[in-house]
């Protein structure tokens, strides 16, 4: 494996081939990763997001708080929280989505 992330009752890892394997609770689909190849992964409470080799974000799991709809963009990093997710764009801007408050405006 090249990366691992732990959520509330689930964990996911990226294999050396870039595919994702998840285990643990799948009550909200958080342990059912999509196909594709990925370079980074982050698990929130009941959702998981990963950075694809194409530098886009894909999320799966609980969508009760609109957590799965990542904004269109090209990203270099992603982190999932309890009820929000944030990603760092290639232009160093920080984008967050979900019901939790976003970051202060600016370049990071």
N, C-alpha and C. Protein backbone atom coordinates (compact mmCIF):
# COMPACT_ATOMS: atom_id res chain seq x y z
N UNK A 1 0.83 -1.20 0.00
CA UNK A 1 0.00 0.00 0.00
C UNK A 1 0.87 1.25 0.00
N UNK A 2 0.31 2.33 -0.56
CA UNK A 2 1.05 3.59 -0.61
C UNK A 2 0.43 4.66 0.28
N UNK A 3 -0.83 4.48 0.69
CA UNK A 3 -1.50 5.45 1.56
C UNK A 3 -2.63 4.74 2.29
N UNK A 4 -2.97 5.25 3.48
CA UNK A 4 -4.06 4.67 4.28
C UNK A 4 -4.80 5.80 4.99
N UNK A 5 -6.10 5.59 5.21
CA UNK A 5 -6.91 6.58 5.92
C UNK A 5 -7.93 5.84 6.78
N UNK A 6 -8.19 6.37 7.97
CA UNK A 6 -9.16 5.77 8.87
C UNK A 6 -10.29 6.73 9.16
N UNK A 7 -11.52 6.27 8.98
CA UNK A 7 -12.71 7.06 9.31
C UNK A 7 -13.28 6.61 10.64
N UNK A 8 -14.57 6.84 10.84
CA UNK A 8 -15.20 6.53 12.12
C UNK A 8 -15.23 5.02 12.37
N UNK A 9 -15.80 4.27 11.43
CA UNK A 9 -15.85 2.81 11.56
C UNK A 9 -15.38 2.13 10.28
N UNK A 10 -14.53 2.78 9.51
CA UNK A 10 -14.02 2.19 8.28
C UNK A 10 -12.61 2.70 8.01
N UNK A 11 -11.91 1.96 7.18
CA UNK A 11 -10.57 2.36 6.74
C UNK A 11 -10.44 2.06 5.26
N UNK A 12 -9.57 2.80 4.59
CA UNK A 12 -9.31 2.59 3.17
C UNK A 12 -7.82 2.74 2.91
N UNK A 13 -7.33 2.06 1.90
CA UNK A 13 -5.92 2.15 1.53
C UNK A 13 -5.79 2.15 0.02
N UNK A 14 -4.74 2.81 -0.45
CA UNK A 14 -4.42 2.82 -1.87
C UNK A 14 -3.32 1.78 -2.10
N UNK A 15 -3.56 0.87 -3.02
CA UNK A 15 -2.57 -0.15 -3.35
C UNK A 15 -1.48 0.40 -4.24
N UNK A 16 -0.44 -0.38 -4.42
CA UNK A 16 0.68 0.06 -5.26
C UNK A 16 0.25 0.26 -6.72
N UNK A 17 -0.89 -0.32 -7.11
CA UNK A 17 -1.42 -0.11 -8.46
C UNK A 17 -2.35 1.10 -8.54
N UNK A 18 -2.56 1.81 -7.42
CA UNK A 18 -3.39 3.01 -7.40
C UNK A 18 -4.86 2.75 -7.11
N UNK A 19 -5.27 1.49 -7.02
CA UNK A 19 -6.67 1.21 -6.73
C UNK A 19 -6.91 1.23 -5.22
N UNK A 20 -8.17 1.44 -4.84
CA UNK A 20 -8.52 1.58 -3.43
C UNK A 20 -9.22 0.34 -2.91
N UNK A 21 -8.84 -0.07 -1.70
CA UNK A 21 -9.50 -1.14 -0.96
C UNK A 21 -9.98 -0.55 0.36
N UNK A 22 -11.24 -0.82 0.72
CA UNK A 22 -11.79 -0.34 2.00
C UNK A 22 -12.35 -1.52 2.78
N UNK A 23 -12.43 -1.34 4.11
CA UNK A 23 -13.00 -2.37 4.97
C UNK A 23 -13.62 -1.71 6.19
N UNK A 24 -14.44 -2.47 6.90
CA UNK A 24 -15.15 -1.94 8.05
C UNK A 24 -16.60 -1.69 7.70
N UNK A 25 -17.24 -0.81 8.45
CA UNK A 25 -18.65 -0.51 8.23
C UNK A 25 -18.88 0.03 6.82
N UNK A 26 -19.98 -0.43 6.21
CA UNK A 26 -20.37 0.07 4.90
C UNK A 26 -21.82 0.56 4.94
N UNK A 27 -22.28 0.96 6.13
CA UNK A 27 -23.67 1.37 6.32
C UNK A 27 -24.08 2.52 5.41
N UNK A 28 -23.15 3.37 5.02
CA UNK A 28 -23.44 4.51 4.16
C UNK A 28 -22.67 4.45 2.85
N UNK A 29 -22.11 3.31 2.52
CA UNK A 29 -21.34 3.16 1.29
C UNK A 29 -19.91 3.64 1.41
N UNK A 30 -19.47 3.96 2.62
CA UNK A 30 -18.14 4.52 2.81
C UNK A 30 -17.02 3.50 2.59
N UNK A 31 -17.36 2.22 2.55
CA UNK A 31 -16.36 1.18 2.28
C UNK A 31 -16.51 0.59 0.89
N UNK A 32 -17.23 1.29 0.00
CA UNK A 32 -17.42 0.85 -1.38
C UNK A 32 -16.77 1.86 -2.32
N UNK A 33 -15.45 1.79 -2.49
CA UNK A 33 -14.75 2.79 -3.31
C UNK A 33 -15.07 2.65 -4.79
N UNK A 34 -14.94 3.74 -5.52
CA UNK A 34 -15.12 3.68 -6.97
C UNK A 34 -13.90 3.05 -7.64
N UNK A 35 -14.06 2.69 -8.89
CA UNK A 35 -12.91 2.22 -9.65
C UNK A 35 -12.05 3.42 -10.03
N UNK A 36 -10.89 3.18 -10.56
CA UNK A 36 -9.99 4.25 -10.95
C UNK A 36 -8.67 4.12 -10.22
N UNK A 37 -7.78 5.06 -10.49
CA UNK A 37 -6.48 5.07 -9.82
C UNK A 37 -6.30 6.39 -9.08
N UNK A 38 -5.69 6.30 -7.90
CA UNK A 38 -5.63 7.42 -6.97
C UNK A 38 -4.24 7.55 -6.36
N UNK A 39 -3.94 8.76 -5.88
CA UNK A 39 -2.63 9.03 -5.27
C UNK A 39 -2.72 9.41 -3.80
N UNK A 40 -3.89 9.86 -3.34
CA UNK A 40 -4.07 10.27 -1.94
C UNK A 40 -5.49 9.95 -1.51
N UNK A 41 -5.68 9.74 -0.20
CA UNK A 41 -7.00 9.37 0.31
C UNK A 41 -7.18 9.95 1.71
N UNK A 42 -8.43 10.30 2.04
CA UNK A 42 -8.75 10.81 3.37
C UNK A 42 -10.15 10.33 3.74
N UNK A 43 -10.31 9.83 4.95
CA UNK A 43 -11.60 9.32 5.41
C UNK A 43 -12.18 10.26 6.45
N UNK A 44 -13.43 10.65 6.24
CA UNK A 44 -14.16 11.43 7.22
C UNK A 44 -14.95 10.49 8.12
N UNK A 45 -15.94 11.04 8.80
CA UNK A 45 -16.73 10.22 9.71
C UNK A 45 -17.45 9.11 8.96
N UNK A 46 -18.23 9.46 7.95
CA UNK A 46 -19.01 8.48 7.19
C UNK A 46 -18.82 8.62 5.69
N UNK A 47 -17.79 9.31 5.27
CA UNK A 47 -17.49 9.44 3.84
C UNK A 47 -15.99 9.39 3.64
N UNK A 48 -15.59 9.16 2.41
CA UNK A 48 -14.18 9.08 2.06
C UNK A 48 -13.97 9.83 0.76
N UNK A 49 -12.84 10.49 0.61
CA UNK A 49 -12.50 11.19 -0.62
C UNK A 49 -11.08 10.82 -1.03
N UNK A 50 -10.85 10.81 -2.33
CA UNK A 50 -9.53 10.46 -2.83
C UNK A 50 -9.15 11.38 -3.99
N UNK A 51 -7.86 11.59 -4.13
CA UNK A 51 -7.30 12.39 -5.21
C UNK A 51 -6.90 11.44 -6.33
N UNK A 52 -7.51 11.61 -7.48
CA UNK A 52 -7.22 10.75 -8.62
C UNK A 52 -5.90 11.10 -9.29
N UNK A 53 -5.41 10.17 -10.09
CA UNK A 53 -4.19 10.44 -10.84
C UNK A 53 -4.40 11.58 -11.84
N UNK A 54 -5.66 11.89 -12.15
CA UNK A 54 -5.98 13.04 -13.00
C UNK A 54 -6.13 14.33 -12.20
N UNK A 55 -5.84 14.29 -10.90
CA UNK A 55 -5.87 15.41 -9.97
C UNK A 55 -7.28 15.94 -9.70
N UNK A 56 -8.30 15.12 -9.90
CA UNK A 56 -9.66 15.47 -9.51
C UNK A 56 -9.99 14.72 -8.22
N UNK A 57 -11.03 15.19 -7.52
CA UNK A 57 -11.44 14.59 -6.26
C UNK A 57 -12.69 13.74 -6.49
N UNK A 58 -12.69 12.54 -5.94
CA UNK A 58 -13.86 11.66 -5.96
C UNK A 58 -14.19 11.31 -4.51
N UNK A 59 -15.48 11.44 -4.15
CA UNK A 59 -15.92 11.12 -2.79
C UNK A 59 -17.04 10.10 -2.84
N UNK A 60 -17.16 9.29 -1.79
CA UNK A 60 -18.22 8.30 -1.70
C UNK A 60 -18.59 8.09 -0.24
N UNK A 61 -19.79 7.53 -0.02
CA UNK A 61 -20.28 7.30 1.34
C UNK A 61 -21.52 8.13 1.62
N UNK A 62 -21.63 8.65 2.83
CA UNK A 62 -22.79 9.40 3.30
C UNK A 62 -22.87 10.76 2.61
N UNK A 63 -24.02 11.01 1.96
CA UNK A 63 -24.19 12.29 1.27
C UNK A 63 -25.29 13.14 1.89
N UNK A 64 -25.66 12.86 3.13
CA UNK A 64 -26.74 13.64 3.76
C UNK A 64 -26.38 15.11 3.89
N UNK A 65 -25.13 15.45 3.90
CA UNK A 65 -24.71 16.85 4.06
C UNK A 65 -24.00 17.36 2.80
N UNK A 66 -24.35 16.79 1.64
CA UNK A 66 -23.74 17.20 0.37
C UNK A 66 -22.22 17.10 0.39
N UNK A 67 -21.72 16.03 0.98
CA UNK A 67 -20.27 15.84 1.10
C UNK A 67 -19.64 15.21 -0.12
N UNK A 68 -20.43 14.62 -0.99
CA UNK A 68 -19.86 13.84 -2.09
C UNK A 68 -19.66 14.64 -3.37
N UNK A 69 -20.19 15.84 -3.42
CA UNK A 69 -20.10 16.65 -4.64
C UNK A 69 -18.88 17.56 -4.58
N UNK A 70 -17.73 17.03 -4.91
CA UNK A 70 -16.50 17.84 -4.91
C UNK A 70 -16.57 18.88 -6.03
N UNK A 71 -16.19 20.11 -5.74
CA UNK A 71 -16.18 21.13 -6.78
C UNK A 71 -15.23 20.74 -7.92
N UNK A 72 -15.60 21.09 -9.12
CA UNK A 72 -14.74 20.82 -10.27
C UNK A 72 -13.46 21.61 -10.12
N UNK A 73 -12.34 20.97 -10.34
CA UNK A 73 -11.05 21.64 -10.22
C UNK A 73 -9.92 20.64 -10.33
N UNK A 74 -8.71 21.16 -10.31
CA UNK A 74 -7.50 20.36 -10.34
C UNK A 74 -6.82 20.56 -8.99
N UNK A 75 -6.56 19.46 -8.27
CA UNK A 75 -6.12 19.54 -6.89
C UNK A 75 -4.81 18.79 -6.65
N UNK A 76 -4.16 19.14 -5.53
CA UNK A 76 -2.92 18.46 -5.14
C UNK A 76 -3.05 17.72 -3.81
N UNK A 77 -4.11 18.01 -3.04
CA UNK A 77 -4.29 17.37 -1.74
C UNK A 77 -5.76 17.41 -1.36
N UNK A 78 -6.18 16.46 -0.50
CA UNK A 78 -7.56 16.41 -0.02
C UNK A 78 -7.55 15.93 1.43
N UNK A 79 -8.47 16.48 2.23
CA UNK A 79 -8.66 16.00 3.60
C UNK A 79 -10.15 16.04 3.94
N UNK A 80 -10.65 14.94 4.48
CA UNK A 80 -12.06 14.81 4.83
C UNK A 80 -12.21 14.94 6.34
N UNK A 81 -13.19 15.74 6.77
CA UNK A 81 -13.49 15.88 8.18
C UNK A 81 -14.79 15.18 8.51
N UNK A 82 -15.35 15.49 9.66
CA UNK A 82 -16.60 14.87 10.07
C UNK A 82 -17.74 15.20 9.12
N UNK A 83 -17.95 16.48 8.85
CA UNK A 83 -19.04 16.91 7.97
C UNK A 83 -18.56 17.95 6.97
N UNK A 84 -17.34 17.83 6.53
CA UNK A 84 -16.82 18.72 5.50
C UNK A 84 -15.60 18.06 4.86
N UNK A 85 -15.20 18.57 3.72
CA UNK A 85 -13.98 18.14 3.05
C UNK A 85 -13.30 19.37 2.48
N UNK A 86 -11.99 19.40 2.49
CA UNK A 86 -11.23 20.50 1.90
C UNK A 86 -10.18 19.93 0.95
N UNK A 87 -9.89 20.69 -0.09
CA UNK A 87 -8.87 20.29 -1.06
C UNK A 87 -8.03 21.50 -1.44
N UNK A 88 -6.76 21.24 -1.69
CA UNK A 88 -5.83 22.28 -2.09
C UNK A 88 -5.66 22.23 -3.60
N UNK A 89 -5.95 23.35 -4.26
CA UNK A 89 -5.84 23.42 -5.71
C UNK A 89 -4.41 23.60 -6.17
N UNK A 90 -4.18 23.33 -7.44
CA UNK A 90 -2.84 23.51 -8.01
C UNK A 90 -2.41 24.97 -7.97
N UNK A 91 -3.38 25.89 -7.85
CA UNK A 91 -3.07 27.32 -7.75
C UNK A 91 -2.93 27.77 -6.30
N UNK A 92 -2.84 26.81 -5.37
CA UNK A 92 -2.67 27.04 -3.93
C UNK A 92 -3.90 27.63 -3.25
N UNK A 93 -5.07 27.58 -3.89
CA UNK A 93 -6.29 28.01 -3.22
C UNK A 93 -6.90 26.83 -2.49
N UNK A 94 -7.56 27.11 -1.38
CA UNK A 94 -8.19 26.09 -0.56
C UNK A 94 -9.68 26.12 -0.81
N UNK A 95 -10.26 24.98 -1.13
CA UNK A 95 -11.69 24.86 -1.39
C UNK A 95 -12.28 23.86 -0.41
N UNK A 96 -13.38 24.24 0.25
CA UNK A 96 -14.04 23.33 1.18
C UNK A 96 -15.51 23.22 0.82
N UNK A 97 -16.11 22.07 1.13
CA UNK A 97 -17.53 21.87 0.89
C UNK A 97 -18.11 21.03 2.01
N UNK A 98 -19.45 21.10 2.12
CA UNK A 98 -20.16 20.48 3.24
C UNK A 98 -20.69 21.59 4.14
N UNK A 99 -21.44 21.25 5.19
CA UNK A 99 -22.08 22.27 6.02
C UNK A 99 -21.15 22.99 6.99
N UNK A 100 -19.96 22.48 7.23
CA UNK A 100 -19.04 23.15 8.15
C UNK A 100 -18.50 24.43 7.51
N UNK A 101 -18.13 25.42 8.29
CA UNK A 101 -17.62 26.66 7.73
C UNK A 101 -16.35 26.44 6.92
N UNK A 102 -16.18 27.26 5.89
CA UNK A 102 -15.00 27.17 5.04
C UNK A 102 -13.82 27.90 5.65
N UNK A 103 -12.68 27.85 4.96
CA UNK A 103 -11.47 28.51 5.45
C UNK A 103 -11.53 30.01 5.19
N UNK A 104 -10.66 30.77 5.82
CA UNK A 104 -10.55 32.19 5.47
C UNK A 104 -10.13 32.31 4.01
N UNK A 105 -10.56 33.36 3.37
CA UNK A 105 -10.18 33.57 1.97
C UNK A 105 -8.68 33.81 1.87
N UNK A 106 -8.11 33.37 0.77
CA UNK A 106 -6.69 33.60 0.56
C UNK A 106 -6.04 32.46 -0.18
N UNK A 107 -4.76 32.61 -0.38
CA UNK A 107 -3.94 31.61 -1.04
C UNK A 107 -3.06 30.96 0.01
N UNK A 108 -2.93 29.64 -0.05
CA UNK A 108 -2.21 28.91 0.99
C UNK A 108 -1.04 28.13 0.44
